[in-house]
Amino acid sequence: MINGKVFWGIVTAAAAGAVIGMLFAPEEGTQTRKKIKKKTNSLASELIEALEKSKEKAVSSAEELKNKGQRYKDDLIDKAEELADDAADEVSRYN
Protein backbone atom coordinates (compact mmCIF):
# COMPACT_ATOMS: atom_id res chain seq x y z
CA MET A 1 0.00 0.00 0.00
CA ILE A 2 1.32 3.45 -0.90
CA ASN A 3 1.84 5.72 2.08
CA GLY A 4 0.46 9.26 2.14
CA LYS A 5 3.69 11.08 1.31
CA VAL A 6 4.40 8.94 -1.75
CA PHE A 7 0.80 9.26 -2.96
CA TRP A 8 0.78 13.06 -2.66
CA GLY A 9 4.21 13.24 -4.27
CA ILE A 10 2.95 11.29 -7.27
CA VAL A 11 -0.20 13.41 -7.56
CA THR A 12 1.78 16.66 -7.31
CA ALA A 13 4.40 15.53 -9.82
CA ALA A 14 1.74 14.38 -12.28
CA ALA A 15 -0.13 17.67 -12.01
CA ALA A 16 3.02 19.75 -12.34
CA GLY A 17 4.22 17.72 -15.33
CA ALA A 18 0.89 18.03 -17.08
CA VAL A 19 0.71 21.79 -16.56
CA ILE A 20 4.32 22.40 -17.62
CA GLY A 21 3.88 20.20 -20.69
CA MET A 22 0.78 22.09 -21.75
CA LEU A 23 2.30 25.50 -21.13
CA PHE A 24 5.20 24.72 -23.45
CA ALA A 25 2.98 23.16 -26.11
CA PRO A 26 2.81 25.13 -29.38
CA GLU A 27 -0.90 25.89 -29.18
CA GLU A 28 -3.05 28.95 -28.67
CA GLY A 29 -3.60 30.15 -25.13
CA THR A 30 -7.29 29.25 -25.18
CA GLN A 31 -6.54 25.69 -26.26
CA THR A 32 -3.85 25.37 -23.62
CA ARG A 33 -6.18 26.68 -20.92
CA LYS A 34 -8.87 24.22 -22.01
CA LYS A 35 -6.38 21.36 -21.80
CA ILE A 36 -5.21 22.53 -18.37
CA LYS A 37 -8.82 22.73 -17.17
CA LYS A 38 -9.61 19.28 -18.56
CA LYS A 39 -6.48 17.74 -17.02
CA THR A 40 -7.16 19.47 -13.68
CA ASN A 41 -10.70 18.10 -13.64
CA SER A 42 -9.39 14.64 -14.50
CA LEU A 43 -6.79 14.76 -11.72
CA ALA A 44 -9.40 16.05 -9.28
CA SER A 45 -11.70 13.15 -10.17
CA GLU A 46 -8.86 10.66 -9.69
CA LEU A 47 -8.00 12.24 -6.36
CA ILE A 48 -11.60 12.11 -5.17
CA GLU A 49 -11.81 8.44 -6.20
CA ALA A 50 -8.57 7.63 -4.35
CA LEU A 51 -9.79 9.46 -1.24
CA GLU A 52 -13.11 7.60 -1.34
CA LYS A 53 -11.27 4.26 -1.56
CA SER A 54 -9.04 5.28 1.34
CA LYS A 55 -12.10 6.25 3.37
CA GLU A 56 -13.77 2.91 2.63
CA LYS A 57 -10.63 1.04 3.71
CA ALA A 58 -10.40 3.12 6.90
CA VAL A 59 -14.04 2.48 7.77
CA SER A 60 -13.63 -1.23 7.06
CA SER A 61 -10.48 -1.41 9.20
CA ALA A 62 -12.19 0.47 12.03
CA GLU A 63 -15.16 -1.91 11.95
CA GLU A 64 -12.84 -4.91 11.92
CA LEU A 65 -10.90 -3.55 14.90
CA LYS A 66 -14.14 -2.86 16.76
CA ASN A 67 -15.34 -6.42 16.13
CA LYS A 68 -12.01 -7.89 17.26
CA GLY A 69 -12.11 -5.78 20.40
CA GLN A 70 -15.64 -6.95 21.15
CA ARG A 71 -14.62 -10.59 20.67
CA TYR A 72 -11.61 -10.16 22.98
CA LYS A 73 -13.82 -8.50 25.59
CA ASP A 74 -16.37 -11.31 25.36
CA ASP A 75 -13.61 -13.92 25.67
CA LEU A 76 -12.19 -12.17 28.73
CA ILE A 77 -15.60 -12.02 30.37
CA ASP A 78 -16.16 -15.71 29.67
CA LYS A 79 -12.76 -16.62 31.12
CA ALA A 80 -13.34 -14.42 34.18
CA GLU A 81 -16.72 -16.05 34.80
CA GLU A 82 -15.16 -19.48 34.37
CA LEU A 83 -12.40 -18.62 36.86
CA ALA A 84 -14.95 -17.22 39.31
CA ASP A 85 -17.00 -20.42 39.05
CA ASP A 86 -13.86 -22.53 39.59
CA ALA A 87 -12.91 -20.43 42.60
CA ALA A 88 -16.43 -20.73 44.03
CA ASP A 89 -16.30 -24.51 43.56
CA GLU A 90 -12.95 -24.68 45.36
CA VAL A 91 -14.25 -22.57 48.24
CA SER A 92 -17.39 -24.70 48.56
CA ARG A 93 -15.26 -27.86 48.71
CA TYR A 94 -13.62 -26.59 51.89
CA ASN A 95 -16.82 -25.40 53.61
PDB file of N, CA and C in Angstrom:
ATOM      1  N   MET A   1       0.841  -1.176   0.000  1.00  0.00           N
ATOM      2  CA  MET A   1       0.000   0.000   0.000  1.00  0.00           C
ATOM      3  C   MET A   1       0.886   1.238   0.000  1.00  0.00           C
ATOM      4  N   ILE A   2       0.534   2.225  -0.795  1.00  0.00           N
ATOM      5  CA  ILE A   2       1.316   3.449  -0.901  1.00  0.00           C
ATOM      6  C   ILE A   2       1.021   4.319   0.309  1.00  0.00           C
ATOM      7  N   ASN A   3       2.091   4.842   0.940  1.00  0.00           N
ATOM      8  CA  ASN A   3       1.840   5.718   2.082  1.00  0.00           C
ATOM      9  C   ASN A   3       1.451   7.109   1.590  1.00  0.00           C
ATOM     10  N   GLY A   4       0.992   7.944   2.492  1.00  0.00           N
ATOM     11  CA  GLY A   4       0.459   9.258   2.140  1.00  0.00           C
ATOM     12  C   GLY A   4       1.447  10.161   1.440  1.00  0.00           C
ATOM     13  N   LYS A   5       2.696  10.188   1.907  1.00  0.00           N
ATOM     14  CA  LYS A   5       3.691  11.079   1.310  1.00  0.00           C
ATOM     15  C   LYS A   5       3.984  10.694  -0.134  1.00  0.00           C
ATOM     16  N   VAL A   6       4.116   9.403  -0.390  1.00  0.00           N
ATOM     17  CA  VAL A   6       4.396   8.945  -1.748  1.00  0.00           C
ATOM     18  C   VAL A   6       3.213   9.262  -2.653  1.00  0.00           C
ATOM     19  N   PHE A   7       2.005   8.995  -2.166  1.00  0.00           N
ATOM     20  CA  PHE A   7       0.805   9.260  -2.956  1.00  0.00           C
ATOM     21  C   PHE A   7       0.725  10.733  -3.354  1.00  0.00           C
ATOM     22  N   TRP A   8       0.876  11.624  -2.369  1.00  0.00           N
ATOM     23  CA  TRP A   8       0.776  13.056  -2.662  1.00  0.00           C
ATOM     24  C   TRP A   8       1.929  13.521  -3.542  1.00  0.00           C
ATOM     25  N   GLY A   9       3.086  12.911  -3.397  1.00  0.00           N
ATOM     26  CA  GLY A   9       4.211  13.239  -4.268  1.00  0.00           C
ATOM     27  C   GLY A   9       3.911  12.888  -5.713  1.00  0.00           C
ATOM     28  N   ILE A  10       3.311  11.718  -5.920  1.00  0.00           N
ATOM     29  CA  ILE A  10       2.955  11.289  -7.272  1.00  0.00           C
ATOM     30  C   ILE A  10       1.894  12.210  -7.867  1.00  0.00           C
ATOM     31  N   VAL A  11       0.878  12.530  -7.080  1.00  0.00           N
ATOM     32  CA  VAL A  11      -0.197  13.414  -7.561  1.00  0.00           C
ATOM     33  C   VAL A  11       0.363  14.783  -7.929  1.00  0.00           C
ATOM     34  N   THR A  12       1.201  15.338  -7.060  1.00  0.00           N
ATOM     35  CA  THR A  12       1.778  16.659  -7.309  1.00  0.00           C
ATOM     36  C   THR A  12       2.665  16.641  -8.544  1.00  0.00           C
ATOM     37  N   ALA A  13       3.505  15.620  -8.664  1.00  0.00           N
ATOM     38  CA  ALA A  13       4.402  15.528  -9.822  1.00  0.00           C
ATOM     39  C   ALA A  13       3.613  15.377 -11.120  1.00  0.00           C
ATOM     40  N   ALA A  14       2.564  14.577 -11.089  1.00  0.00           N
ATOM     41  CA  ALA A  14       1.743  14.385 -12.284  1.00  0.00           C
ATOM     42  C   ALA A  14       1.069  15.689 -12.694  1.00  0.00           C
ATOM     43  N   ALA A  15       0.534  16.397 -11.718  1.00  0.00           N
ATOM     44  CA  ALA A  15      -0.134  17.669 -12.015  1.00  0.00           C
ATOM     45  C   ALA A  15       0.860  18.686 -12.556  1.00  0.00           C
ATOM     46  N   ALA A  16       2.003  18.792 -11.902  1.00  0.00           N
ATOM     47  CA  ALA A  16       3.017  19.754 -12.344  1.00  0.00           C
ATOM     48  C   ALA A  16       3.507  19.406 -13.742  1.00  0.00           C
ATOM     49  N   GLY A  17       3.757  18.136 -14.002  1.00  0.00           N
ATOM     50  CA  GLY A  17       4.218  17.716 -15.325  1.00  0.00           C
ATOM     51  C   GLY A  17       3.200  18.015 -16.405  1.00  0.00           C
ATOM     52  N   ALA A  18       1.944  17.772 -16.106  1.00  0.00           N
ATOM     53  CA  ALA A  18       0.888  18.034 -17.084  1.00  0.00           C
ATOM     54  C   ALA A  18       0.784  19.521 -17.392  1.00  0.00           C
ATOM     55  N   VAL A  19       0.817  20.339 -16.358  1.00  0.00           N
ATOM     56  CA  VAL A  19       0.707  21.791 -16.556  1.00  0.00           C
ATOM     57  C   VAL A  19       1.911  22.320 -17.327  1.00  0.00           C
ATOM     58  N   ILE A  20       3.112  21.919 -16.939  1.00  0.00           N
ATOM     59  CA  ILE A  20       4.318  22.395 -17.625  1.00  0.00           C
ATOM     60  C   ILE A  20       4.312  21.945 -19.082  1.00  0.00           C
ATOM     61  N   GLY A  21       3.934  20.700 -19.318  1.00  0.00           N
ATOM     62  CA  GLY A  21       3.877  20.198 -20.688  1.00  0.00           C
ATOM     63  C   GLY A  21       2.906  20.985 -21.544  1.00  0.00           C
ATOM     64  N   MET A  22       1.775  21.333 -20.986  1.00  0.00           N
ATOM     65  CA  MET A  22       0.780  22.088 -21.747  1.00  0.00           C
ATOM     66  C   MET A  22       1.204  23.535 -21.964  1.00  0.00           C
ATOM     67  N   LEU A  23       1.870  24.110 -20.983  1.00  0.00           N
ATOM     68  CA  LEU A  23       2.297  25.502 -21.128  1.00  0.00           C
ATOM     69  C   LEU A  23       3.351  25.660 -22.217  1.00  0.00           C
ATOM     70  N   PHE A  24       4.159  24.643 -22.425  1.00  0.00           N
ATOM     71  CA  PHE A  24       5.196  24.715 -23.451  1.00  0.00           C
ATOM     72  C   PHE A  24       4.740  24.135 -24.787  1.00  0.00           C
ATOM     73  N   ALA A  25       3.508  23.700 -24.867  1.00  0.00           N
ATOM     74  CA  ALA A  25       2.979  23.158 -26.114  1.00  0.00           C
ATOM     75  C   ALA A  25       2.737  24.303 -27.096  1.00  0.00           C
ATOM     76  N   PRO A  26       2.983  24.056 -28.375  1.00  0.00           N
ATOM     77  CA  PRO A  26       2.806  25.125 -29.378  1.00  0.00           C
ATOM     78  C   PRO A  26       1.341  25.269 -29.802  1.00  0.00           C
ATOM     79  N   GLU A  27       0.512  25.699 -28.884  1.00  0.00           N
ATOM     80  CA  GLU A  27      -0.904  25.892 -29.181  1.00  0.00           C
ATOM     81  C   GLU A  27      -1.324  27.279 -28.704  1.00  0.00           C
ATOM     82  N   GLU A  28      -2.513  27.674 -29.129  1.00  0.00           N
ATOM     83  CA  GLU A  28      -3.054  28.951 -28.669  1.00  0.00           C
ATOM     84  C   GLU A  28      -3.325  28.893 -27.169  1.00  0.00           C
ATOM     85  N   GLY A  29      -3.353  30.059 -26.565  1.00  0.00           N
ATOM     86  CA  GLY A  29      -3.604  30.151 -25.132  1.00  0.00           C
ATOM     87  C   GLY A  29      -4.938  29.557 -24.723  1.00  0.00           C
ATOM     88  N   THR A  30      -5.970  29.781 -25.539  1.00  0.00           N
ATOM     89  CA  THR A  30      -7.291  29.253 -25.182  1.00  0.00           C
ATOM     90  C   THR A  30      -7.289  27.729 -25.201  1.00  0.00           C
ATOM     91  N   GLN A  31      -6.626  27.151 -26.186  1.00  0.00           N
ATOM     92  CA  GLN A  31      -6.542  25.689 -26.264  1.00  0.00           C
ATOM     93  C   GLN A  31      -5.757  25.134 -25.081  1.00  0.00           C
ATOM     94  N   THR A  32      -4.669  25.816 -24.746  1.00  0.00           N
ATOM     95  CA  THR A  32      -3.847  25.372 -23.617  1.00  0.00           C
ATOM     96  C   THR A  32      -4.640  25.447 -22.322  1.00  0.00           C
ATOM     97  N   ARG A  33      -5.375  26.543 -22.132  1.00  0.00           N
ATOM     98  CA  ARG A  33      -6.178  26.683 -20.915  1.00  0.00           C
ATOM     99  C   ARG A  33      -7.269  25.611 -20.846  1.00  0.00           C
ATOM    100  N   LYS A  34      -7.863  25.286 -21.986  1.00  0.00           N
ATOM    101  CA  LYS A  34      -8.872  24.225 -22.013  1.00  0.00           C
ATOM    102  C   LYS A  34      -8.253  22.887 -21.616  1.00  0.00           C
ATOM    103  N   LYS A  35      -7.058  22.616 -22.145  1.00  0.00           N
ATOM    104  CA  LYS A  35      -6.383  21.362 -21.797  1.00  0.00           C
ATOM    105  C   LYS A  35      -6.036  21.325 -20.313  1.00  0.00           C
ATOM    106  N   ILE A  36      -5.557  22.467 -19.796  1.00  0.00           N
ATOM    107  CA  ILE A  36      -5.213  22.531 -18.368  1.00  0.00           C
ATOM    108  C   ILE A  36      -6.459  22.283 -17.528  1.00  0.00           C
ATOM    109  N   LYS A  37      -7.567  22.909 -17.913  1.00  0.00           N
ATOM    110  CA  LYS A  37      -8.817  22.730 -17.172  1.00  0.00           C
ATOM    111  C   LYS A  37      -9.265  21.270 -17.222  1.00  0.00           C
ATOM    112  N   LYS A  38      -9.198  20.673 -18.413  1.00  0.00           N
ATOM    113  CA  LYS A  38      -9.611  19.279 -18.564  1.00  0.00           C
ATOM    114  C   LYS A  38      -8.725  18.359 -17.731  1.00  0.00           C
ATOM    115  N   LYS A  39      -7.409  18.585 -17.773  1.00  0.00           N
ATOM    116  CA  LYS A  39      -6.481  17.745 -17.016  1.00  0.00           C
ATOM    117  C   LYS A  39      -6.683  17.946 -15.519  1.00  0.00           C
ATOM    118  N   THR A  40      -6.914  19.187 -15.096  1.00  0.00           N
ATOM    119  CA  THR A  40      -7.156  19.469 -13.683  1.00  0.00           C
ATOM    120  C   THR A  40      -8.411  18.747 -13.205  1.00  0.00           C
ATOM    121  N   ASN A  41      -9.458  18.803 -14.003  1.00  0.00           N
ATOM    122  CA  ASN A  41     -10.697  18.102 -13.643  1.00  0.00           C
ATOM    123  C   ASN A  41     -10.474  16.593 -13.566  1.00  0.00           C
ATOM    124  N   SER A  42      -9.694  16.075 -14.505  1.00  0.00           N
ATOM    125  CA  SER A  42      -9.392  14.644 -14.504  1.00  0.00           C
ATOM    126  C   SER A  42      -8.612  14.254 -13.250  1.00  0.00           C
ATOM    127  N   LEU A  43      -7.584  15.043 -12.919  1.00  0.00           N
ATOM    128  CA  LEU A  43      -6.794  14.759 -11.718  1.00  0.00           C
ATOM    129  C   LEU A  43      -7.641  14.888 -10.456  1.00  0.00           C
ATOM    130  N   ALA A  44      -8.528  15.877 -10.437  1.00  0.00           N
ATOM    131  CA  ALA A  44      -9.405  16.052  -9.276  1.00  0.00           C
ATOM    132  C   ALA A  44     -10.319  14.838  -9.116  1.00  0.00           C
ATOM    133  N   SER A  45     -10.837  14.337 -10.227  1.00  0.00           N
ATOM    134  CA  SER A  45     -11.699  13.146 -10.166  1.00  0.00           C
ATOM    135  C   SER A  45     -10.925  11.938  -9.657  1.00  0.00           C
ATOM    136  N   GLU A  46      -9.695  11.774 -10.145  1.00  0.00           N
ATOM    137  CA  GLU A  46      -8.864  10.657  -9.688  1.00  0.00           C
ATOM    138  C   GLU A  46      -8.556  10.784  -8.199  1.00  0.00           C
ATOM    139  N   LEU A  47      -8.290  12.005  -7.766  1.00  0.00           N
ATOM    140  CA  LEU A  47      -7.996  12.243  -6.357  1.00  0.00           C
ATOM    141  C   LEU A  47      -9.212  11.928  -5.489  1.00  0.00           C
ATOM    142  N   ILE A  48     -10.374  12.379  -5.920  1.00  0.00           N
ATOM    143  CA  ILE A  48     -11.605  12.106  -5.172  1.00  0.00           C
ATOM    144  C   ILE A  48     -11.844  10.603  -5.082  1.00  0.00           C
ATOM    145  N   GLU A  49     -11.629   9.902  -6.191  1.00  0.00           N
ATOM    146  CA  GLU A  49     -11.811   8.444  -6.197  1.00  0.00           C
ATOM    147  C   GLU A  49     -10.835   7.769  -5.236  1.00  0.00           C
ATOM    148  N   ALA A  50      -9.575   8.213  -5.256  1.00  0.00           N
ATOM    149  CA  ALA A  50      -8.571   7.631  -4.355  1.00  0.00           C
ATOM    150  C   ALA A  50      -8.925   7.909  -2.896  1.00  0.00           C
ATOM    151  N   LEU A  51      -9.403   9.115  -2.612  1.00  0.00           N
ATOM    152  CA  LEU A  51      -9.793   9.459  -1.244  1.00  0.00           C
ATOM    153  C   LEU A  51     -10.997   8.637  -0.786  1.00  0.00           C
ATOM    154  N   GLU A  52     -11.939   8.413  -1.684  1.00  0.00           N
ATOM    155  CA  GLU A  52     -13.107   7.596  -1.335  1.00  0.00           C
ATOM    156  C   GLU A  52     -12.693   6.157  -1.026  1.00  0.00           C
ATOM    157  N   LYS A  53     -11.757   5.623  -1.828  1.00  0.00           N
ATOM    158  CA  LYS A  53     -11.270   4.264  -1.564  1.00  0.00           C
ATOM    159  C   LYS A  53     -10.548   4.207  -0.222  1.00  0.00           C
ATOM    160  N   SER A  54      -9.752   5.238   0.059  1.00  0.00           N
ATOM    161  CA  SER A  54      -9.041   5.281   1.342  1.00  0.00           C
ATOM    162  C   SER A  54     -10.026   5.346   2.498  1.00  0.00           C
ATOM    163  N   LYS A  55     -11.076   6.134   2.328  1.00  0.00           N
ATOM    164  CA  LYS A  55     -12.097   6.251   3.373  1.00  0.00           C
ATOM    165  C   LYS A  55     -12.779   4.903   3.602  1.00  0.00           C
ATOM    166  N   GLU A  56     -13.122   4.224   2.503  1.00  0.00           N
ATOM    167  CA  GLU A  56     -13.769   2.912   2.628  1.00  0.00           C
ATOM    168  C   GLU A  56     -12.864   1.929   3.369  1.00  0.00           C
ATOM    169  N   LYS A  57     -11.569   1.941   3.033  1.00  0.00           N
ATOM    170  CA  LYS A  57     -10.628   1.044   3.709  1.00  0.00           C
ATOM    171  C   LYS A  57     -10.519   1.395   5.188  1.00  0.00           C
ATOM    172  N   ALA A  58     -10.502   2.689   5.497  1.00  0.00           N
ATOM    173  CA  ALA A  58     -10.396   3.116   6.895  1.00  0.00           C
ATOM    174  C   ALA A  58     -11.632   2.692   7.682  1.00  0.00           C
ATOM    175  N   VAL A  59     -12.801   2.873   7.103  1.00  0.00           N
ATOM    176  CA  VAL A  59     -14.041   2.476   7.774  1.00  0.00           C
ATOM    177  C   VAL A  59     -14.063   0.964   7.982  1.00  0.00           C
ATOM    178  N   SER A  60     -13.663   0.228   6.958  1.00  0.00           N
ATOM    179  CA  SER A  60     -13.627  -1.232   7.059  1.00  0.00           C
ATOM    180  C   SER A  60     -12.654  -1.678   8.146  1.00  0.00           C
ATOM    181  N   SER A  61     -11.483  -1.059   8.180  1.00  0.00           N
ATOM    182  CA  SER A  61     -10.485  -1.406   9.201  1.00  0.00           C
ATOM    183  C   SER A  61     -10.996  -1.072  10.597  1.00  0.00           C
ATOM    184  N   ALA A  62     -11.658   0.069  10.730  1.00  0.00           N
ATOM    185  CA  ALA A  62     -12.193   0.467  12.034  1.00  0.00           C
ATOM    186  C   ALA A  62     -13.259  -0.523  12.501  1.00  0.00           C
ATOM    187  N   GLU A  63     -14.124  -0.936  11.593  1.00  0.00           N
ATOM    188  CA  GLU A  63     -15.163  -1.911  11.955  1.00  0.00           C
ATOM    189  C   GLU A  63     -14.536  -3.244  12.353  1.00  0.00           C
ATOM    190  N   GLU A  64     -13.513  -3.647  11.610  1.00  0.00           N
ATOM    191  CA  GLU A  64     -12.835  -4.906  11.924  1.00  0.00           C
ATOM    192  C   GLU A  64     -12.178  -4.841  13.300  1.00  0.00           C
ATOM    193  N   LEU A  65     -11.517  -3.720  13.587  1.00  0.00           N
ATOM    194  CA  LEU A  65     -10.900  -3.552  14.904  1.00  0.00           C
ATOM    195  C   LEU A  65     -11.947  -3.551  16.015  1.00  0.00           C
ATOM    196  N   LYS A  66     -13.063  -2.898  15.765  1.00  0.00           N
ATOM    197  CA  LYS A  66     -14.141  -2.863  16.756  1.00  0.00           C
ATOM    198  C   LYS A  66     -14.651  -4.275  17.031  1.00  0.00           C
ATOM    199  N   ASN A  67     -14.848  -5.044  15.972  1.00  0.00           N
ATOM    200  CA  ASN A  67     -15.336  -6.418  16.134  1.00  0.00           C
ATOM    201  C   ASN A  67     -14.328  -7.283  16.879  1.00  0.00           C
ATOM    202  N   LYS A  68     -13.042  -7.127  16.556  1.00  0.00           N
ATOM    203  CA  LYS A  68     -12.013  -7.892  17.264  1.00  0.00           C
ATOM    204  C   LYS A  68     -11.994  -7.516  18.739  1.00  0.00           C
ATOM    205  N   GLY A  69     -12.089  -6.231  19.013  1.00  0.00           N
ATOM    206  CA  GLY A  69     -12.112  -5.775  20.400  1.00  0.00           C
ATOM    207  C   GLY A  69     -13.291  -6.355  21.161  1.00  0.00           C
ATOM    208  N   GLN A  70     -14.437  -6.388  20.516  1.00  0.00           N
ATOM    209  CA  GLN A  70     -15.638  -6.951  21.149  1.00  0.00           C
ATOM    210  C   GLN A  70     -15.450  -8.441  21.430  1.00  0.00           C
ATOM    211  N   ARG A  71     -14.854  -9.154  20.463  1.00  0.00           N
ATOM    212  CA  ARG A  71     -14.616 -10.591  20.666  1.00  0.00           C
ATOM    213  C   ARG A  71     -13.652 -10.823  21.822  1.00  0.00           C
ATOM    214  N   TYR A  72     -12.569 -10.019  21.882  1.00  0.00           N
ATOM    215  CA  TYR A  72     -11.612 -10.159  22.984  1.00  0.00           C
ATOM    216  C   TYR A  72     -12.281  -9.871  24.322  1.00  0.00           C
ATOM    217  N   LYS A  73     -13.110  -8.841  24.354  1.00  0.00           N
ATOM    218  CA  LYS A  73     -13.818  -8.500  25.589  1.00  0.00           C
ATOM    219  C   LYS A  73     -14.726  -9.650  26.013  1.00  0.00           C
ATOM    220  N   ASP A  74     -15.473 -10.188  25.053  1.00  0.00           N
ATOM    221  CA  ASP A  74     -16.368 -11.311  25.359  1.00  0.00           C
ATOM    222  C   ASP A  74     -15.584 -12.520  25.863  1.00  0.00           C
ATOM    223  N   ASP A  75     -14.449 -12.795  25.223  1.00  0.00           N
ATOM    224  CA  ASP A  75     -13.607 -13.917  25.666  1.00  0.00           C
ATOM    225  C   ASP A  75     -13.102 -13.697  27.086  1.00  0.00           C
ATOM    226  N   LEU A  76     -12.675 -12.472  27.376  1.00  0.00           N
ATOM    227  CA  LEU A  76     -12.189 -12.172  28.726  1.00  0.00           C
ATOM    228  C   LEU A  76     -13.290 -12.327  29.769  1.00  0.00           C
ATOM    229  N   ILE A  77     -14.474 -11.873  29.439  1.00  0.00           N
ATOM    230  CA  ILE A  77     -15.605 -12.016  30.369  1.00  0.00           C
ATOM    231  C   ILE A  77     -15.904 -13.491  30.605  1.00  0.00           C
ATOM    232  N   ASP A  78     -15.916 -14.270  29.525  1.00  0.00           N
ATOM    233  CA  ASP A  78     -16.163 -15.714  29.669  1.00  0.00           C
ATOM    234  C   ASP A  78     -15.105 -16.367  30.550  1.00  0.00           C
ATOM    235  N   LYS A  79     -13.842 -16.038  30.321  1.00  0.00           N
ATOM    236  CA  LYS A  79     -12.762 -16.624  31.121  1.00  0.00           C
ATOM    237  C   LYS A  79     -12.854 -16.181  32.582  1.00  0.00           C
ATOM    238  N   ALA A  80     -13.202 -14.914  32.805  1.00  0.00           N
ATOM    239  CA  ALA A  80     -13.339 -14.420  34.178  1.00  0.00           C
ATOM    240  C   ALA A  80     -14.482 -15.140  34.894  1.00  0.00           C
ATOM    241  N   GLU A  81     -15.593 -15.323  34.202  1.00  0.00           N
ATOM    242  CA  GLU A  81     -16.723 -16.045  34.803  1.00  0.00           C
ATOM    243  C   GLU A  81     -16.344 -17.496  35.097  1.00  0.00           C
ATOM    244  N   GLU A  82     -15.604 -18.097  34.180  1.00  0.00           N
ATOM    245  CA  GLU A  82     -15.160 -19.477  34.372  1.00  0.00           C
ATOM    246  C   GLU A  82     -14.236 -19.576  35.587  1.00  0.00           C
ATOM    247  N   LEU A  83     -13.298 -18.633  35.705  1.00  0.00           N
ATOM    248  CA  LEU A  83     -12.396 -18.624  36.859  1.00  0.00           C
ATOM    249  C   LEU A  83     -13.162 -18.383  38.159  1.00  0.00           C
ATOM    250  N   ALA A  84     -14.145 -17.491  38.113  1.00  0.00           N
ATOM    251  CA  ALA A  84     -14.946 -17.218  39.306  1.00  0.00           C
ATOM    252  C   ALA A  84     -15.726 -18.468  39.719  1.00  0.00           C
ATOM    253  N   ASP A  85     -16.280 -19.173  38.746  1.00  0.00           N
ATOM    254  CA  ASP A  85     -16.996 -20.423  39.051  1.00  0.00           C
ATOM    255  C   ASP A  85     -16.050 -21.458  39.649  1.00  0.00           C
ATOM    256  N   ASP A  86     -14.852 -21.583  39.057  1.00  0.00           N
ATOM    257  CA  ASP A  86     -13.864 -22.531  39.589  1.00  0.00           C
ATOM    258  C   ASP A  86     -13.474 -22.167  41.017  1.00  0.00           C
ATOM    259  N   ALA A  87     -13.275 -20.879  41.257  1.00  0.00           N
ATOM    260  CA  ALA A  87     -12.910 -20.430  42.604  1.00  0.00           C
ATOM    261  C   ALA A  87     -14.044 -20.713  43.583  1.00  0.00           C
ATOM    262  N   ALA A  88     -15.279 -20.466  43.166  1.00  0.00           N
ATOM    263  CA  ALA A  88     -16.431 -20.734  44.032  1.00  0.00           C
ATOM    264  C   ALA A  88     -16.536 -22.226  44.331  1.00  0.00           C
ATOM    265  N   ASP A  89     -16.270 -23.059  43.340  1.00  0.00           N
ATOM    266  CA  ASP A  89     -16.295 -24.512  43.559  1.00  0.00           C
ATOM    267  C   ASP A  89     -15.227 -24.929  44.565  1.00  0.00           C
ATOM    268  N   GLU A  90     -14.042 -24.353  44.433  1.00  0.00           N
ATOM    269  CA  GLU A  90     -12.953 -24.679  45.361  1.00  0.00           C
ATOM    270  C   GLU A  90     -13.297 -24.249  46.783  1.00  0.00           C
ATOM    271  N   VAL A  91     -13.871 -23.064  46.919  1.00  0.00           N
ATOM    272  CA  VAL A  91     -14.249 -22.568  48.245  1.00  0.00           C
ATOM    273  C   VAL A  91     -15.323 -23.466  48.846  1.00  0.00           C
ATOM    274  N   SER A  92     -16.304 -23.860  48.038  1.00  0.00           N
ATOM    275  CA  SER A  92     -17.388 -24.702  48.564  1.00  0.00           C
ATOM    276  C   SER A  92     -16.885 -26.094  48.948  1.00  0.00           C
ATOM    277  N   ARG A  93     -15.821 -26.550  48.337  1.00  0.00           N
ATOM    278  CA  ARG A  93     -15.257 -27.855  48.707  1.00  0.00           C
ATOM    279  C   ARG A  93     -14.703 -27.826  50.128  1.00  0.00           C
ATOM    280  N   TYR A  94     -14.231 -26.691  50.564  1.00  0.00           N
ATOM    281  CA  TYR A  94     -13.622 -26.586  51.888  1.00  0.00           C
ATOM    282  C   TYR A  94     -14.607 -26.127  52.959  1.00  0.00           C
ATOM    283  N   ASN A  95     -15.815 -25.832  52.622  1.00  0.00           N
ATOM    284  CA  ASN A  95     -16.819 -25.404  53.612  1.00  0.00           C
ATOM    285  C   ASN A  95     -17.644 -26.538  54.109  1.00  0.00           C
TER     286      ASN A  95
END
